[in-house]
C-alpha atoms as a PDB file:
ATOM      1  CA  UNK A   1       0.000   0.000   0.000  1.00  0.00           C
ATOM      2  CA  UNK A   2       1.209   3.490  -0.734  1.00  0.00           C
ATOM      3  CA  UNK A   3       2.829   5.017   2.374  1.00  0.00           C
ATOM      4  CA  UNK A   4       0.936   8.329   2.101  1.00  0.00           C
ATOM      5  CA  UNK A   5      -2.345   6.498   1.672  1.00  0.00           C
ATOM      6  CA  UNK A   6      -1.585   4.270   4.656  1.00  0.00           C
ATOM      7  CA  UNK A   7      -0.737   7.238   6.907  1.00  0.00           C
ATOM      8  CA  UNK A   8      -3.844   9.111   5.722  1.00  0.00           C
ATOM      9  CA  UNK A   9      -6.122   6.218   6.625  1.00  0.00           C
ATOM     10  CA  UNK A  10      -4.490   5.894  10.044  1.00  0.00           C
ATOM     11  CA  UNK A  11      -4.867   9.629  10.669  1.00  0.00           C
ATOM     12  CA  UNK A  12      -8.478  10.009   9.488  1.00  0.00           C
ATOM     13  CA  UNK A  13     -10.048   7.019  11.211  1.00  0.00           C
ATOM     14  CA  UNK A  14     -13.413   8.754  11.658  1.00  0.00           C
ATOM     15  CA  UNK A  15     -13.706   9.875   8.051  1.00  0.00           C
ATOM     16  CA  UNK A  16     -14.407   7.739   5.018  1.00  0.00           C
ATOM     17  CA  UNK A  17     -11.747   8.844   2.542  1.00  0.00           C
ATOM     18  CA  UNK A  18     -12.818   8.755  -1.071  1.00  0.00           C
ATOM     19  CA  UNK A  19     -10.465   8.195  -3.977  1.00  0.00           C
ATOM     20  CA  UNK A  20     -10.666  11.902  -4.771  1.00  0.00           C
ATOM     21  CA  UNK A  21      -9.693  12.791  -1.177  1.00  0.00           C
ATOM     22  CA  UNK A  22      -6.739  10.400  -1.261  1.00  0.00           C
ATOM     23  CA  UNK A  23      -5.548  11.907  -4.539  1.00  0.00           C
ATOM     24  CA  UNK A  24      -5.645  15.400  -2.996  1.00  0.00           C
ATOM     25  CA  UNK A  25      -3.812  14.199   0.131  1.00  0.00           C
ATOM     26  CA  UNK A  26      -1.114  12.593  -2.019  1.00  0.00           C
ATOM     27  CA  UNK A  27      -0.830  15.771  -4.066  1.00  0.00           C
ATOM     28  CA  UNK A  28      -0.498  17.857  -0.902  1.00  0.00           C
ATOM     29  CA  UNK A  29       2.130  15.470   0.477  1.00  0.00           C
ATOM     30  CA  UNK A  30       4.041  15.748  -2.786  1.00  0.00           C
ATOM     31  CA  UNK A  31       4.026  19.547  -2.593  1.00  0.00           C
ATOM     32  CA  UNK A  32       5.184  19.386   1.025  1.00  0.00           C
ATOM     33  CA  UNK A  33       8.041  16.958   0.346  1.00  0.00           C
ATOM     34  CA  UNK A  34       9.213  18.859  -2.721  1.00  0.00           C
ATOM     35  CA  UNK A  35       9.597  22.189  -0.900  1.00  0.00           C
ATOM     36  CA  UNK A  36      13.090  23.420  -0.160  1.00  0.00           C
ATOM     37  CA  UNK A  37      12.587  22.766   3.541  1.00  0.00           C
ATOM     38  CA  UNK A  38      14.826  19.979   4.758  1.00  0.00           C
ATOM     39  CA  UNK A  39      14.414  17.779   7.800  1.00  0.00           C
ATOM     40  CA  UNK A  40      16.818  17.694  10.790  1.00  0.00           C
ATOM     41  CA  UNK A  41      18.159  14.415   9.343  1.00  0.00           C
ATOM     42  CA  UNK A  42      19.592  16.111   6.264  1.00  0.00           C
ATOM     43  CA  UNK A  43      23.176  15.670   5.235  1.00  0.00           C
ATOM     44  CA  UNK A  44      25.406  17.502   2.808  1.00  0.00           C
ATOM     45  CA  UNK A  45      28.365  17.427   0.479  1.00  0.00           C
ATOM     46  CA  UNK A  46      30.803  20.168  -0.475  1.00  0.00           C
ATOM     47  CA  UNK A  47      32.986  20.041  -3.589  1.00  0.00           C
ATOM     48  CA  UNK A  48      35.848  22.497  -3.944  1.00  0.00           C
ATOM     49  CA  UNK A  49      38.906  22.715  -6.148  1.00  0.00           C
ATOM     50  CA  UNK A  50      40.166  23.657  -9.574  1.00  0.00           C
ATOM     51  CA  UNK A  51      39.005  22.654 -13.024  1.00  0.00           C
ATOM     52  CA  UNK A  52      41.563  21.836 -15.688  1.00  0.00           C
ATOM     53  CA  UNK A  53      41.113  25.286 -17.245  1.00  0.00           C
ATOM     54  CA  UNK A  54      40.661  27.269 -14.014  1.00  0.00           C
ATOM     55  CA  UNK A  55      43.298  29.368 -12.287  1.00  0.00           C
ATOM     56  CA  UNK A  56      41.081  30.257  -9.331  1.00  0.00           C
ATOM     57  CA  UNK A  57      39.084  27.860  -7.132  1.00  0.00           C
ATOM     58  CA  UNK A  58      35.377  27.172  -7.241  1.00  0.00           C
ATOM     59  CA  UNK A  59      33.007  25.622  -4.713  1.00  0.00           C
ATOM     60  CA  UNK A  60      29.582  24.040  -4.937  1.00  0.00           C
ATOM     61  CA  UNK A  61      27.539  22.515  -2.125  1.00  0.00           C
ATOM     62  CA  UNK A  62      24.431  20.400  -1.795  1.00  0.00           C
ATOM     63  CA  UNK A  63      22.176  19.368   1.082  1.00  0.00           C
ATOM     64  CA  UNK A  64      20.403  16.048   0.670  1.00  0.00           C
ATOM     65  CA  UNK A  65      17.339  14.759   2.492  1.00  0.00           C
ATOM     66  CA  UNK A  66      16.777  11.208   1.341  1.00  0.00           C
ATOM     67  CA  UNK A  67      14.853   9.683  -1.545  1.00  0.00           C
ATOM     68  CA  UNK A  68      11.351  10.876  -2.407  1.00  0.00           C
ATOM     69  CA  UNK A  69       9.466   8.819  -5.010  1.00  0.00           C
ATOM     70  CA  UNK A  70      12.723   7.220  -6.227  1.00  0.00           C
ATOM     71  CA  UNK A  71      14.323  10.662  -6.698  1.00  0.00           C
ATOM     72  CA  UNK A  72      17.024  12.244  -4.577  1.00  0.00           C
ATOM     73  CA  UNK A  73      15.791  15.322  -2.729  1.00  0.00           C
ATOM     74  CA  UNK A  74      18.492  17.964  -2.573  1.00  0.00           C
ATOM     75  CA  UNK A  75      19.003  21.718  -2.371  1.00  0.00           C
ATOM     76  CA  UNK A  76      21.961  23.387  -4.062  1.00  0.00           C
ATOM     77  CA  UNK A  77      23.765  26.001  -2.010  1.00  0.00           C
ATOM     78  CA  UNK A  78      25.189  29.304  -3.176  1.00  0.00           C
ATOM     79  CA  UNK A  79      28.112  28.559  -5.516  1.00  0.00           C
ATOM     80  CA  UNK A  80      31.393  30.413  -5.091  1.00  0.00           C
ATOM     81  CA  UNK A  81      33.601  31.187  -8.067  1.00  0.00           C
ATOM     82  CA  UNK A  82      36.708  33.108  -7.050  1.00  0.00           C
ATOM     83  CA  UNK A  83      38.068  35.424  -9.733  1.00  0.00           C
ATOM     84  CA  UNK A  84      38.388  38.926 -11.072  1.00  0.00           C
ATOM     85  CA  UNK A  85      34.668  39.289 -11.735  1.00  0.00           C
ATOM     86  CA  UNK A  86      33.626  37.448  -8.550  1.00  0.00           C
ATOM     87  CA  UNK A  87      34.598  37.519  -4.864  1.00  0.00           C
ATOM     88  CA  UNK A  88      38.361  37.501  -4.379  1.00  0.00           C
ATOM     89  CA  UNK A  89      37.934  35.513  -1.171  1.00  0.00           C
ATOM     90  CA  UNK A  90      35.135  34.121   0.952  1.00  0.00           C
ATOM     91  CA  UNK A  91      34.454  32.201   4.160  1.00  0.00           C
ATOM     92  CA  UNK A  92      31.631  29.697   4.177  1.00  0.00           C
ATOM     93  CA  UNK A  93      30.298  27.555   6.980  1.00  0.00           C
ATOM     94  CA  UNK A  94      28.351  24.336   6.585  1.00  0.00           C
ATOM     95  CA  UNK A  95      26.083  22.435   8.964  1.00  0.00           C
ATOM     96  CA  UNK A  96      26.617  24.313  12.262  1.00  0.00           C
ATOM     97  CA  UNK A  97      27.890  27.653  10.985  1.00  0.00           C
ATOM     98  CA  UNK A  98      26.878  29.939  13.862  1.00  0.00           C
ATOM     99  CA  UNK A  99      30.432  30.473  15.147  1.00  0.00           C
ATOM    100  CA  UNK A 100      31.708  31.177  11.639  1.00  0.00           C
ATOM    101  CA  UNK A 101      28.958  33.765  11.122  1.00  0.00           C
ATOM    102  CA  UNK A 102      29.699  35.317  14.515  1.00  0.00           C
ATOM    103  CA  UNK A 103      33.351  35.669  13.497  1.00  0.00           C
ATOM    104  CA  UNK A 104      32.487  37.094  10.097  1.00  0.00           C
ATOM    105  CA  UNK A 105      29.667  39.422  11.202  1.00  0.00           C
ATOM    106  CA  UNK A 106      30.843  40.350  14.680  1.00  0.00           C
ATOM    107  CA  UNK A 107      27.560  39.241  16.265  1.00  0.00           C
ATOM    108  CA  UNK A 108      25.857  35.925  16.938  1.00  0.00           C
ATOM    109  CA  UNK A 109      23.242  35.212  14.212  1.00  0.00           C
ATOM    110  CA  UNK A 110      20.520  34.522  16.788  1.00  0.00           C
ATOM    111  CA  UNK A 111      21.186  37.811  18.583  1.00  0.00           C
ATOM    112  CA  UNK A 112      21.361  39.681  15.270  1.00  0.00           C
ATOM    113  CA  UNK A 113      17.972  38.412  14.157  1.00  0.00           C
ATOM    114  CA  UNK A 114      16.497  39.185  17.576  1.00  0.00           C
ATOM    115  CA  UNK A 115      17.772  42.771  17.426  1.00  0.00           C
ATOM    116  CA  UNK A 116      16.452  43.237  13.892  1.00  0.00           C
ATOM    117  CA  UNK A 117      13.059  41.914  14.989  1.00  0.00           C
ATOM    118  CA  UNK A 118      13.180  44.215  18.007  1.00  0.00           C
ATOM    119  CA  UNK A 119      13.815  47.232  15.768  1.00  0.00           C
ATOM    120  CA  UNK A 120      10.938  46.268  13.469  1.00  0.00           C
ATOM    121  CA  UNK A 121       8.518  45.801  16.380  1.00  0.00           C
ATOM    122  CA  UNK A 122       9.748  49.086  17.892  1.00  0.00           C
ATOM    123  CA  UNK A 123       8.784  50.958  14.738  1.00  0.00           C
ATOM    124  CA  UNK A 124       5.329  49.368  14.798  1.00  0.00           C
ATOM    125  CA  UNK A 125       4.825  50.013  18.517  1.00  0.00           C
ATOM    126  CA  UNK A 126       5.955  53.644  18.192  1.00  0.00           C
ATOM    127  CA  UNK A 127       3.492  54.288  15.379  1.00  0.00           C
ATOM    128  CA  UNK A 128       0.669  52.751  17.391  1.00  0.00           C
ATOM    129  CA  UNK A 129       1.496  54.826  20.504  1.00  0.00           C
ATOM    130  CA  UNK A 130       1.704  58.078  18.520  1.00  0.00           C
ATOM    131  CA  UNK A 131      -1.616  57.452  16.805  1.00  0.00           C
ATOM    132  CA  UNK A 132      -3.262  56.492  20.056  1.00  0.00           C
ATOM    133  CA  UNK A 133      -2.068  59.676  21.748  1.00  0.00           C
ATOM    134  CA  UNK A 134      -3.009  61.879  18.780  1.00  0.00           C
ATOM    135  CA  UNK A 135      -6.385  60.394  17.864  1.00  0.00           C
ATOM    136  CA  UNK A 136      -7.636  58.758  21.061  1.00  0.00           C
ATOM    137  CA  UNK A 137     -10.177  56.855  19.002  1.00  0.00           C
ATOM    138  CA  UNK A 138      -9.927  53.098  18.416  1.00  0.00           C
ATOM    139  CA  UNK A 139     -11.582  53.067  14.983  1.00  0.00           C
ATOM    140  CA  UNK A 140      -9.563  56.022  13.727  1.00  0.00           C
ATOM    141  CA  UNK A 141      -6.352  54.434  15.048  1.00  0.00           C
ATOM    142  CA  UNK A 142      -7.102  51.189  13.190  1.00  0.00           C
ATOM    143  CA  UNK A 143      -7.886  53.085   9.980  1.00  0.00           C
ATOM    144  CA  UNK A 144      -4.732  55.201  10.291  1.00  0.00           C
ATOM    145  CA  UNK A 145      -2.552  52.135  10.904  1.00  0.00           C
ATOM    146  CA  UNK A 146      -4.057  50.453   7.847  1.00  0.00           C
ATOM    147  CA  UNK A 147      -3.336  53.569   5.789  1.00  0.00           C
ATOM    148  CA  UNK A 148       0.337  53.675   6.769  1.00  0.00           C
ATOM    149  CA  UNK A 149       0.874  49.887   6.850  1.00  0.00           C
ATOM    150  CA  UNK A 150       2.955  49.929   3.663  1.00  0.00           C
ATOM    151  CA  UNK A 151       5.039  52.848   4.944  1.00  0.00           C
ATOM    152  CA  UNK A 152       5.720  51.070   8.236  1.00  0.00           C
ATOM    153  CA  UNK A 153       6.678  47.907   6.381  1.00  0.00           C
ATOM    154  CA  UNK A 154       9.088  49.865   4.188  1.00  0.00           C
ATOM    155  CA  UNK A 155      10.615  51.514   7.273  1.00  0.00           C
ATOM    156  CA  UNK A 156      11.115  48.131   8.926  1.00  0.00           C
ATOM    157  CA  UNK A 157      12.730  46.593   5.840  1.00  0.00           C
ATOM    158  CA  UNK A 158      14.911  49.685   5.357  1.00  0.00           C
ATOM    159  CA  UNK A 159      16.140  49.476   8.962  1.00  0.00           C
ATOM    160  CA  UNK A 160      16.998  45.775   8.549  1.00  0.00           C
ATOM    161  CA  UNK A 161      18.773  46.456   5.246  1.00  0.00           C
ATOM    162  CA  UNK A 162      20.843  49.276   6.745  1.00  0.00           C
ATOM    163  CA  UNK A 163      21.816  47.111   9.728  1.00  0.00           C
ATOM    164  CA  UNK A 164      22.929  44.232   7.487  1.00  0.00           C
ATOM    165  CA  UNK A 165      24.837  46.648   5.234  1.00  0.00           C
ATOM    166  CA  UNK A 166      26.588  48.144   8.259  1.00  0.00           C
ATOM    167  CA  UNK A 167      27.583  44.686   9.542  1.00  0.00           C
ATOM    168  CA  UNK A 168      28.937  43.685   6.138  1.00  0.00           C
ATOM    169  CA  UNK A 169      30.803  46.985   5.631  1.00  0.00           C
ATOM    170  CA  UNK A 170      32.396  47.186   9.078  1.00  0.00           C
ATOM    171  CA  UNK A 171      33.154  43.500   9.711  1.00  0.00           C
ATOM    172  CA  UNK A 172      32.443  41.103   6.867  1.00  0.00           C
ATOM    173  CA  UNK A 173      34.145  42.901   3.997  1.00  0.00           C
ATOM    174  CA  UNK A 174      37.353  43.826   5.904  1.00  0.00           C
ATOM    175  CA  UNK A 175      37.799  40.182   6.942  1.00  0.00           C
ATOM    176  CA  UNK A 176      37.270  38.954   3.379  1.00  0.00           C
ATOM    177  CA  UNK A 177      39.712  41.572   2.100  1.00  0.00           C
ATOM    178  CA  UNK A 178      42.286  40.385   4.643  1.00  0.00           C
ATOM    179  CA  UNK A 179      41.943  36.669   3.919  1.00  0.00           C
ATOM    180  CA  UNK A 180      42.348  37.303   0.190  1.00  0.00           C
ATOM    181  CA  UNK A 181      46.003  38.167   0.925  1.00  0.00           C
ATOM    182  CA  UNK A 182      46.707  35.556   3.606  1.00  0.00           C
ATOM    183  CA  UNK A 183      49.210  32.724   2.942  1.00  0.00           C
ATOM    184  CA  UNK A 184      47.799  29.234   2.490  1.00  0.00           C
ATOM    185  CA  UNK A 185      49.157  28.027   5.825  1.00  0.00           C
ATOM    186  CA  UNK A 186      47.380  30.812   7.726  1.00  0.00           C
ATOM    187  CA  UNK A 187      44.133  30.143   5.870  1.00  0.00           C
ATOM    188  CA  UNK A 188      44.322  26.508   6.954  1.00  0.00           C
ATOM    189  CA  UNK A 189      44.946  27.559  10.555  1.00  0.00           C
ATOM    190  CA  UNK A 190      41.988  29.950  10.405  1.00  0.00           C
ATOM    191  CA  UNK A 191      39.667  27.195   9.194  1.00  0.00           C
ATOM    192  CA  UNK A 192      40.900  24.854  11.920  1.00  0.00           C
ATOM    193  CA  UNK A 193      40.455  27.550  14.586  1.00  0.00           C
ATOM    194  CA  UNK A 194      36.848  28.232  13.553  1.00  0.00           C
ATOM    195  CA  UNK A 195      36.017  24.530  13.834  1.00  0.00           C
ATOM    196  CA  UNK A 196      37.709  24.299  17.229  1.00  0.00           C
ATOM    197  CA  UNK A 197      35.776  27.369  18.427  1.00  0.00           C
ATOM    198  CA  UNK A 198      32.563  25.713  17.280  1.00  0.00           C
ATOM    199  CA  UNK A 199      33.512  22.600  19.242  1.00  0.00           C
ATOM    200  CA  UNK A 200      34.326  24.669  22.346  1.00  0.00           C
ATOM    201  CA  UNK A 201      31.003  26.507  22.154  1.00  0.00           C
ATOM    202  CA  UNK A 202      29.125  23.205  21.973  1.00  0.00           C
ATOM    203  CA  UNK A 203      30.930  22.028  25.116  1.00  0.00           C
ATOM    204  CA  UNK A 204      30.019  25.074  27.210  1.00  0.00           C
ATOM    205  CA  UNK A 205      26.422  25.461  26.014  1.00  0.00           C
ATOM    206  CA  UNK A 206      23.370  23.263  26.367  1.00  0.00           C
ATOM    207  CA  UNK A 207      23.365  22.167  22.752  1.00  0.00           C
ATOM    208  CA  UNK A 208      24.523  18.751  21.659  1.00  0.00           C
ATOM    209  CA  UNK A 209      28.268  18.311  21.165  1.00  0.00           C
ATOM    210  CA  UNK A 210      27.986  17.514  17.465  1.00  0.00           C
ATOM    211  CA  UNK A 211      31.351  19.094  16.621  1.00  0.00           C
ATOM    212  CA  UNK A 212      34.512  17.895  18.314  1.00  0.00           C
ATOM    213  CA  UNK A 213      37.563  15.714  18.320  1.00  0.00           C
ATOM    214  CA  UNK A 214      40.682  16.076  16.249  1.00  0.00           C
ATOM    215  CA  UNK A 215      40.309  18.233  13.127  1.00  0.00           C
ATOM    216  CA  UNK A 216      41.604  17.178   9.721  1.00  0.00           C
ATOM    217  CA  UNK A 217      43.005  20.063   7.689  1.00  0.00           C
ATOM    218  CA  UNK A 218      43.892  20.057   3.998  1.00  0.00           C
ATOM    219  CA  UNK A 219      44.887  22.684   1.439  1.00  0.00           C
ATOM    220  CA  UNK A 220      43.977  22.548  -2.251  1.00  0.00           C
ATOM    221  CA  UNK A 221      46.074  24.670  -4.578  1.00  0.00           C
ATOM    222  CA  UNK A 222      46.581  24.823  -8.318  1.00  0.00           C
ATOM    223  CA  UNK A 223      50.314  24.124  -8.106  1.00  0.00           C
ATOM    224  CA  UNK A 224      50.368  21.452  -5.372  1.00  0.00           C
ATOM    225  CA  UNK A 225      46.939  19.856  -5.607  1.00  0.00           C
ATOM    226  CA  UNK A 226      45.489  18.274  -2.458  1.00  0.00           C
ATOM    227  CA  UNK A 227      47.835  18.457   0.540  1.00  0.00           C
ATOM    228  CA  UNK A 228      47.145  17.303   4.096  1.00  0.00           C
ATOM    229  CA  UNK A 229      48.507  19.740   6.693  1.00  0.00           C
ATOM    230  CA  UNK A 230      46.987  17.924   9.650  1.00  0.00           C
ATOM    231  CA  UNK A 231      45.441  14.503   9.684  1.00  0.00           C
ATOM    232  CA  UNK A 232      44.409  12.270  12.565  1.00  0.00           C
ATOM    233  CA  UNK A 233      44.948   8.525  12.598  1.00  0.00           C
ATOM    234  CA  UNK A 234      43.055   5.806  14.366  1.00  0.00           C
ATOM    235  CA  UNK A 235      46.358   4.608  15.799  1.00  0.00           C
ATOM    236  CA  UNK A 236      49.280   6.398  17.544  1.00  0.00           C
ATOM    237  CA  UNK A 237      51.750   7.358  14.780  1.00  0.00           C
ATOM    238  CA  UNK A 238      54.754   7.084  17.095  1.00  0.00           C
ATOM    239  CA  UNK A 239      53.947   3.418  17.745  1.00  0.00           C
ATOM    240  CA  UNK A 240      53.620   2.540  14.059  1.00  0.00           C
ATOM    241  CA  UNK A 241      56.743   3.798  12.251  1.00  0.00           C
ATOM    242  CA  UNK A 242      56.624   0.848   9.832  1.00  0.00           C
ATOM    243  CA  UNK A 243      53.299   2.031   8.457  1.00  0.00           C
ATOM    244  CA  UNK A 244      54.711   5.435   7.555  1.00  0.00           C
ATOM    245  CA  UNK A 245      57.887   3.930   6.093  1.00  0.00           C
ATOM    246  CA  UNK A 246      55.723   1.656   3.945  1.00  0.00           C
ATOM    247  CA  UNK A 247      53.594   4.581   2.765  1.00  0.00           C
ATOM    248  CA  UNK A 248      56.736   6.586   2.026  1.00  0.00           C
ATOM    249  CA  UNK A 249      58.271   3.736   0.020  1.00  0.00           C
ATOM    250  CA  UNK A 250      55.064   3.210  -1.967  1.00  0.00           C
ATOM    251  CA  UNK A 251      54.793   6.886  -2.818  1.00  0.00           C
ATOM    252  CA  UNK A 252      58.424   7.068  -3.939  1.00  0.00           C
ATOM    253  CA  UNK A 253      58.719   3.608  -5.426  1.00  0.00           C
END
């Protein structure tokens, strides 16, 4: 039996579902599953590097959320193509990116959104208080608020836009400008530090410790390709010198 049909019949036990009703429920379920809203069980993949004809790196990312009707459900993230006519440098976080955004924007994303919401509600509340004091008539206040609703909405969006522009101008852009000139080794250390900060935050907050442990770090460059700068092993390296000698001999044999 079709899964959607089975769940529908279990959910609507007191209603006799017709074929037409089941078709509409299946259609609704299809719309719901096809939306770009992913479940907490989603996973992702990031692909970065150089094409054979590219001198600057590119990055693409995807979030996947299982198979729906034999088709993979996925959402493509914002691609990054470094170059003269594109960003010269960028920092992107994946999965739990709150610490990265805090570093890049100078404020925690949750706090930023709360402050922007507070500003928007402040504009609305101020307008309501002024109209109440000036008109002192409930019906006139409602009519006046309806008349200036679009203006208030524009003021709220303008305030949010100016705040985001200020954050980007004062914090985000200077950091991106700086990393565009940083050596590869320092870029690798920066990436490692952001992951370690994320891990530390998870340890001292109530959230689950989903980031932690040793961090693998690699650098991809046009001249050297893929290079590990830090890589953990499931065994103590100092107790297994033969393994590393064997790897060395194979790579130079």
